[in-house]
Amino acid sequence: MKRIGLLLLCCCLVLSVAALAEEAAKPDINENGMPLMPDFTLTSASGEEITLSDFEGRQIVLYFWATWCPTCVQGMPDKQALHDWMLENDFPGEVWAVNLTDGIRETRNTCDAFLERNGYTMPVLYDEGGKVFQYAQSRYIPVTMVIDEAGYQKSWVIGAQPMEEIIAILLEEEDT
């Protein structure tokens, strides 16, 4: 009986190592020339820690924004509508409004008050210090980025990209 248990343990260990090796072997650029999004963890407005790699298999829309940016604020209703569309259609994806929280011009309190005042329910993540925004490779906001199921950037646009355009990108099949 001990041998069977030991054999099962060894099999599990081999499978775990193989899975880790497969993840580590993911190239920095996919076959479409799009970069792999580095893994990150941010805190949501509800206090939950959100890690990108936990959502592999789902497409992620990142919307980098701040309350002091009029164009960003104008794009928020569309991102909420996209979030609602995903829920209503059981779409395997997420919309994350990534707030550029610098602690001076944009604070968690400023963002929280804005969210409450406007009734937004989509996940809002605080990017304190811009550690994730650096991957957008932009000096301007808003930026709308779509990440595919495997963690690669699928699209990237400076601006508050309309919901219809984002849905078209989400539904677009990957070239394989």
C-alpha atoms as a PDB file:
ATOM      1  CA  MET A   1       0.000   0.000   0.000  1.00  0.00           C
ATOM      2  CA  LYS A   2       2.895   2.349   0.800  1.00  0.00           C
ATOM      3  CA  ARG A   3       4.356   1.717  -2.663  1.00  0.00           C
ATOM      4  CA  ILE A   4       1.097   2.711  -4.354  1.00  0.00           C
ATOM      5  CA  GLY A   5       0.953   5.907  -2.305  1.00  0.00           C
ATOM      6  CA  LEU A   6       4.575   6.678  -3.114  1.00  0.00           C
ATOM      7  CA  LEU A   7       3.966   5.950  -6.797  1.00  0.00           C
ATOM      8  CA  LEU A   8       0.944   8.294  -6.840  1.00  0.00           C
ATOM      9  CA  LEU A   9       2.961  11.003  -5.103  1.00  0.00           C
ATOM     10  CA  CYS A  10       5.761  10.658  -7.671  1.00  0.00           C
ATOM     11  CA  CYS A  11       3.267  10.840 -10.561  1.00  0.00           C
ATOM     12  CA  CYS A  12       1.718  14.004  -9.112  1.00  0.00           C
ATOM     13  CA  LEU A  13       5.158  15.537  -8.661  1.00  0.00           C
ATOM     14  CA  VAL A  14       6.158  14.727 -12.259  1.00  0.00           C
ATOM     15  CA  LEU A  15       2.913  16.216 -13.593  1.00  0.00           C
ATOM     16  CA  SER A  16       3.389  19.355 -11.484  1.00  0.00           C
ATOM     17  CA  VAL A  17       6.957  19.836 -12.705  1.00  0.00           C
ATOM     18  CA  ALA A  18       5.825  19.270 -16.307  1.00  0.00           C
ATOM     19  CA  ALA A  19       3.077  21.891 -15.917  1.00  0.00           C
ATOM     20  CA  LEU A  20       5.569  24.397 -14.480  1.00  0.00           C
ATOM     21  CA  ALA A  21       8.017  23.713 -17.309  1.00  0.00           C
ATOM     22  CA  GLU A  22       5.251  24.252 -19.873  1.00  0.00           C
ATOM     23  CA  GLU A  23       4.360  27.614 -18.270  1.00  0.00           C
ATOM     24  CA  ALA A  24       8.010  28.674 -18.131  1.00  0.00           C
ATOM     25  CA  ALA A  25       8.413  27.781 -21.810  1.00  0.00           C
ATOM     26  CA  LYS A  26       5.831  30.363 -22.928  1.00  0.00           C
ATOM     27  CA  PRO A  27       7.587  32.688 -25.409  1.00  0.00           C
ATOM     28  CA  ASP A  28       7.775  36.452 -24.806  1.00  0.00           C
ATOM     29  CA  ILE A  29       6.150  37.071 -28.203  1.00  0.00           C
ATOM     30  CA  ASN A  30       3.351  34.948 -29.668  1.00  0.00           C
ATOM     31  CA  GLU A  31       2.990  33.822 -33.291  1.00  0.00           C
ATOM     32  CA  ASN A  32       1.058  37.040 -34.055  1.00  0.00           C
ATOM     33  CA  GLY A  33       3.947  39.189 -32.811  1.00  0.00           C
ATOM     34  CA  MET A  34       2.136  40.272 -29.651  1.00  0.00           C
ATOM     35  CA  PRO A  35       3.991  40.459 -26.320  1.00  0.00           C
ATOM     36  CA  LEU A  36       3.231  38.338 -23.287  1.00  0.00           C
ATOM     37  CA  MET A  37       1.756  40.506 -20.523  1.00  0.00           C
ATOM     38  CA  PRO A  38       3.911  40.186 -17.397  1.00  0.00           C
ATOM     39  CA  ASP A  39       2.020  38.724 -14.450  1.00  0.00           C
ATOM     40  CA  PHE A  40       0.880  41.238 -11.855  1.00  0.00           C
ATOM     41  CA  THR A  41      -1.204  41.521  -8.712  1.00  0.00           C
ATOM     42  CA  LEU A  42      -3.254  44.614  -7.858  1.00  0.00           C
ATOM     43  CA  THR A  43      -5.733  45.372  -5.100  1.00  0.00           C
ATOM     44  CA  SER A  44      -9.352  45.989  -6.079  1.00  0.00           C
ATOM     45  CA  ALA A  45     -11.653  48.672  -4.696  1.00  0.00           C
ATOM     46  CA  SER A  46     -13.327  45.887  -2.696  1.00  0.00           C
ATOM     47  CA  GLY A  47      -9.958  44.998  -1.099  1.00  0.00           C
ATOM     48  CA  GLU A  48      -9.407  41.753  -3.027  1.00  0.00           C
ATOM     49  CA  GLU A  49      -6.006  40.937  -4.527  1.00  0.00           C
ATOM     50  CA  ILE A  50      -6.370  40.249  -8.269  1.00  0.00           C
ATOM     51  CA  THR A  51      -3.578  38.381 -10.087  1.00  0.00           C
ATOM     52  CA  LEU A  52      -3.569  38.244 -13.877  1.00  0.00           C
ATOM     53  CA  SER A  53      -2.335  34.636 -14.114  1.00  0.00           C
ATOM     54  CA  ASP A  54      -5.326  33.468 -12.054  1.00  0.00           C
ATOM     55  CA  PHE A  55      -7.507  34.392 -15.038  1.00  0.00           C
ATOM     56  CA  GLU A  56      -5.695  32.382 -17.723  1.00  0.00           C
ATOM     57  CA  GLY A  57      -8.275  31.073 -20.165  1.00  0.00           C
ATOM     58  CA  ARG A  58     -10.255  34.321 -19.990  1.00  0.00           C
ATOM     59  CA  GLN A  59      -9.778  37.463 -22.055  1.00  0.00           C
ATOM     60  CA  ILE A  60      -9.054  40.570 -19.989  1.00  0.00           C
ATOM     61  CA  VAL A  61      -9.833  44.163 -20.930  1.00  0.00           C
ATOM     62  CA  LEU A  62      -7.609  46.610 -19.046  1.00  0.00           C
ATOM     63  CA  TYR A  63      -8.778  50.211 -19.032  1.00  0.00           C
ATOM     64  CA  PHE A  64      -6.124  52.523 -17.571  1.00  0.00           C
ATOM     65  CA  TRP A  65      -7.785  55.683 -16.270  1.00  0.00           C
ATOM     66  CA  ALA A  66      -7.991  58.397 -13.579  1.00  0.00           C
ATOM     67  CA  THR A  67     -10.873  60.506 -12.251  1.00  0.00           C
ATOM     68  CA  TRP A  68      -9.137  63.779 -13.191  1.00  0.00           C
ATOM     69  CA  CYS A  69      -9.006  62.772 -16.901  1.00  0.00           C
ATOM     70  CA  PRO A  70     -12.192  63.892 -18.743  1.00  0.00           C
ATOM     71  CA  THR A  71     -11.688  61.422 -21.620  1.00  0.00           C
ATOM     72  CA  CYS A  72     -11.177  58.599 -19.123  1.00  0.00           C
ATOM     73  CA  VAL A  73     -14.345  59.499 -17.253  1.00  0.00           C
ATOM     74  CA  GLN A  74     -16.296  59.625 -20.547  1.00  0.00           C
ATOM     75  CA  GLY A  75     -15.157  56.062 -21.298  1.00  0.00           C
ATOM     76  CA  MET A  76     -16.267  54.579 -17.981  1.00  0.00           C
ATOM     77  CA  PRO A  77     -19.972  54.038 -18.864  1.00  0.00           C
ATOM     78  CA  ASP A  78     -18.904  52.023 -21.920  1.00  0.00           C
ATOM     79  CA  LYS A  79     -16.585  49.865 -19.801  1.00  0.00           C
ATOM     80  CA  GLN A  80     -19.416  49.270 -17.309  1.00  0.00           C
ATOM     81  CA  ALA A  81     -21.710  48.333 -20.217  1.00  0.00           C
ATOM     82  CA  LEU A  82     -19.025  45.935 -21.513  1.00  0.00           C
ATOM     83  CA  HIS A  83     -18.746  44.370 -18.043  1.00  0.00           C
ATOM     84  CA  ASP A  84     -22.533  43.963 -17.950  1.00  0.00           C
ATOM     85  CA  TRP A  85     -22.525  42.477 -21.489  1.00  0.00           C
ATOM     86  CA  MET A  86     -19.939  39.879 -20.437  1.00  0.00           C
ATOM     87  CA  LEU A  87     -22.062  38.883 -17.434  1.00  0.00           C
ATOM     88  CA  GLU A  88     -25.317  38.755 -19.417  1.00  0.00           C
ATOM     89  CA  ASN A  89     -23.737  36.656 -22.188  1.00  0.00           C
ATOM     90  CA  ASP A  90     -21.684  34.419 -19.884  1.00  0.00           C
ATOM     91  CA  PHE A  91     -18.618  35.579 -21.815  1.00  0.00           C
ATOM     92  CA  PRO A  92     -15.275  34.184 -20.591  1.00  0.00           C
ATOM     93  CA  GLY A  93     -13.659  37.530 -19.894  1.00  0.00           C
ATOM     94  CA  GLU A  94     -13.194  40.373 -17.455  1.00  0.00           C
ATOM     95  CA  VAL A  95     -13.146  44.158 -17.607  1.00  0.00           C
ATOM     96  CA  TRP A  96     -10.731  45.734 -15.150  1.00  0.00           C
ATOM     97  CA  ALA A  97     -10.734  49.515 -14.789  1.00  0.00           C
ATOM     98  CA  VAL A  98      -7.144  50.091 -13.645  1.00  0.00           C
ATOM     99  CA  ASN A  99      -7.032  53.353 -11.724  1.00  0.00           C
ATOM    100  CA  LEU A 100      -3.696  55.185 -11.817  1.00  0.00           C
ATOM    101  CA  THR A 101      -3.506  55.900  -8.110  1.00  0.00           C
ATOM    102  CA  ASP A 102      -0.516  58.131  -7.479  1.00  0.00           C
ATOM    103  CA  GLY A 103      -1.507  59.167  -3.943  1.00  0.00           C
ATOM    104  CA  ILE A 104      -1.413  62.879  -4.825  1.00  0.00           C
ATOM    105  CA  ARG A 105      -3.552  63.791  -7.810  1.00  0.00           C
ATOM    106  CA  GLU A 106      -5.437  60.463  -7.650  1.00  0.00           C
ATOM    107  CA  THR A 107      -6.097  58.708  -4.354  1.00  0.00           C
ATOM    108  CA  ARG A 108      -8.116  55.674  -3.372  1.00  0.00           C
ATOM    109  CA  ASN A 109     -10.597  57.988  -1.626  1.00  0.00           C
ATOM    110  CA  THR A 110     -11.032  60.098  -4.767  1.00  0.00           C
ATOM    111  CA  CYS A 111     -11.569  56.978  -6.862  1.00  0.00           C
ATOM    112  CA  ASP A 112     -13.921  55.333  -4.342  1.00  0.00           C
ATOM    113  CA  ALA A 113     -16.087  58.461  -4.137  1.00  0.00           C
ATOM    114  CA  PHE A 114     -16.262  58.610  -7.941  1.00  0.00           C
ATOM    115  CA  LEU A 115     -17.258  54.944  -8.188  1.00  0.00           C
ATOM    116  CA  GLU A 116     -19.944  55.284  -5.524  1.00  0.00           C
ATOM    117  CA  ARG A 117     -21.332  58.500  -6.996  1.00  0.00           C
ATOM    118  CA  ASN A 118     -21.643  56.866 -10.432  1.00  0.00           C
ATOM    119  CA  GLY A 119     -22.737  53.382  -9.356  1.00  0.00           C
ATOM    120  CA  TYR A 120     -19.991  51.441 -11.148  1.00  0.00           C
ATOM    121  CA  THR A 121     -19.893  47.736 -10.328  1.00  0.00           C
ATOM    122  CA  MET A 122     -17.103  46.488 -12.626  1.00  0.00           C
ATOM    123  CA  PRO A 123     -13.844  45.533 -10.942  1.00  0.00           C
ATOM    124  CA  VAL A 124     -11.653  48.583 -10.322  1.00  0.00           C
ATOM    125  CA  LEU A 125      -8.003  47.936  -9.484  1.00  0.00           C
ATOM    126  CA  TYR A 126      -5.552  50.394  -7.950  1.00  0.00           C
ATOM    127  CA  ASP A 127      -2.266  50.703  -9.821  1.00  0.00           C
ATOM    128  CA  GLU A 128      -0.294  52.565  -7.190  1.00  0.00           C
ATOM    129  CA  GLY A 129       2.877  53.965  -8.675  1.00  0.00           C
ATOM    130  CA  GLY A 130       1.961  52.872 -12.210  1.00  0.00           C
ATOM    131  CA  LYS A 131       3.711  49.490 -11.976  1.00  0.00           C
ATOM    132  CA  VAL A 132       1.205  47.890 -14.390  1.00  0.00           C
ATOM    133  CA  PHE A 133       0.632  51.012 -16.492  1.00  0.00           C
ATOM    134  CA  GLN A 134       4.295  50.841 -17.539  1.00  0.00           C
ATOM    135  CA  TYR A 135       3.334  47.803 -19.671  1.00  0.00           C
ATOM    136  CA  ALA A 136       0.950  50.026 -21.662  1.00  0.00           C
ATOM    137  CA  GLN A 137       4.040  51.846 -22.957  1.00  0.00           C
ATOM    138  CA  SER A 138       2.206  55.166 -23.053  1.00  0.00           C
ATOM    139  CA  ARG A 139       2.501  58.533 -21.398  1.00  0.00           C
ATOM    140  CA  TYR A 140      -1.165  59.243 -22.045  1.00  0.00           C
ATOM    141  CA  ILE A 141      -4.447  57.975 -20.651  1.00  0.00           C
ATOM    142  CA  PRO A 142      -6.855  56.445 -21.143  1.00  0.00           C
ATOM    143  CA  VAL A 143      -5.396  53.278 -22.628  1.00  0.00           C
ATOM    144  CA  THR A 144      -7.540  50.287 -23.526  1.00  0.00           C
ATOM    145  CA  MET A 145      -5.726  46.954 -23.737  1.00  0.00           C
ATOM    146  CA  VAL A 146      -7.139  43.489 -24.491  1.00  0.00           C
ATOM    147  CA  ILE A 147      -5.235  40.443 -23.254  1.00  0.00           C
ATOM    148  CA  ASP A 148      -6.026  37.078 -24.840  1.00  0.00           C
ATOM    149  CA  GLU A 149      -6.741  33.786 -23.069  1.00  0.00           C
ATOM    150  CA  ALA A 150      -3.042  32.863 -23.012  1.00  0.00           C
ATOM    151  CA  GLY A 151      -1.890  36.170 -21.492  1.00  0.00           C
ATOM    152  CA  TYR A 152      -0.705  37.921 -24.657  1.00  0.00           C
ATOM    153  CA  GLN A 153      -1.698  41.427 -25.669  1.00  0.00           C
ATOM    154  CA  LYS A 154      -4.357  41.152 -28.334  1.00  0.00           C
ATOM    155  CA  SER A 155      -4.868  44.875 -28.887  1.00  0.00           C
ATOM    156  CA  TRP A 156      -3.742  48.187 -27.452  1.00  0.00           C
ATOM    157  CA  VAL A 157      -5.258  51.605 -28.090  1.00  0.00           C
ATOM    158  CA  ILE A 158      -4.659  55.035 -26.607  1.00  0.00           C
ATOM    159  CA  GLY A 159      -8.145  56.269 -25.847  1.00  0.00           C
ATOM    160  CA  ALA A 160     -11.489  55.174 -24.485  1.00  0.00           C
ATOM    161  CA  GLN A 161     -12.156  52.535 -27.114  1.00  0.00           C
ATOM    162  CA  PRO A 162     -15.905  52.053 -27.703  1.00  0.00           C
ATOM    163  CA  MET A 163     -17.602  48.896 -26.434  1.00  0.00           C
ATOM    164  CA  GLU A 164     -18.544  47.705 -29.939  1.00  0.00           C
ATOM    165  CA  GLU A 165     -14.908  47.789 -31.074  1.00  0.00           C
ATOM    166  CA  ILE A 166     -13.762  45.918 -27.978  1.00  0.00           C
ATOM    167  CA  ILE A 167     -16.444  43.244 -28.437  1.00  0.00           C
ATOM    168  CA  ALA A 168     -15.311  42.779 -32.063  1.00  0.00           C
ATOM    169  CA  ILE A 169     -11.729  42.242 -30.811  1.00  0.00           C
ATOM    170  CA  LEU A 170     -12.879  39.857 -28.081  1.00  0.00           C
ATOM    171  CA  LEU A 171     -14.875  37.767 -30.573  1.00  0.00           C
ATOM    172  CA  GLU A 172     -12.073  37.765 -33.177  1.00  0.00           C
ATOM    173  CA  GLU A 173     -10.520  34.351 -33.605  1.00  0.00           C
ATOM    174  CA  GLU A 174      -6.783  34.045 -33.106  1.00  0.00           C
ATOM    175  CA  ASP A 175      -4.748  33.225 -36.213  1.00  0.00           C
ATOM    176  CA  THR A 176      -3.201  29.821 -35.650  1.00  0.00           C
END
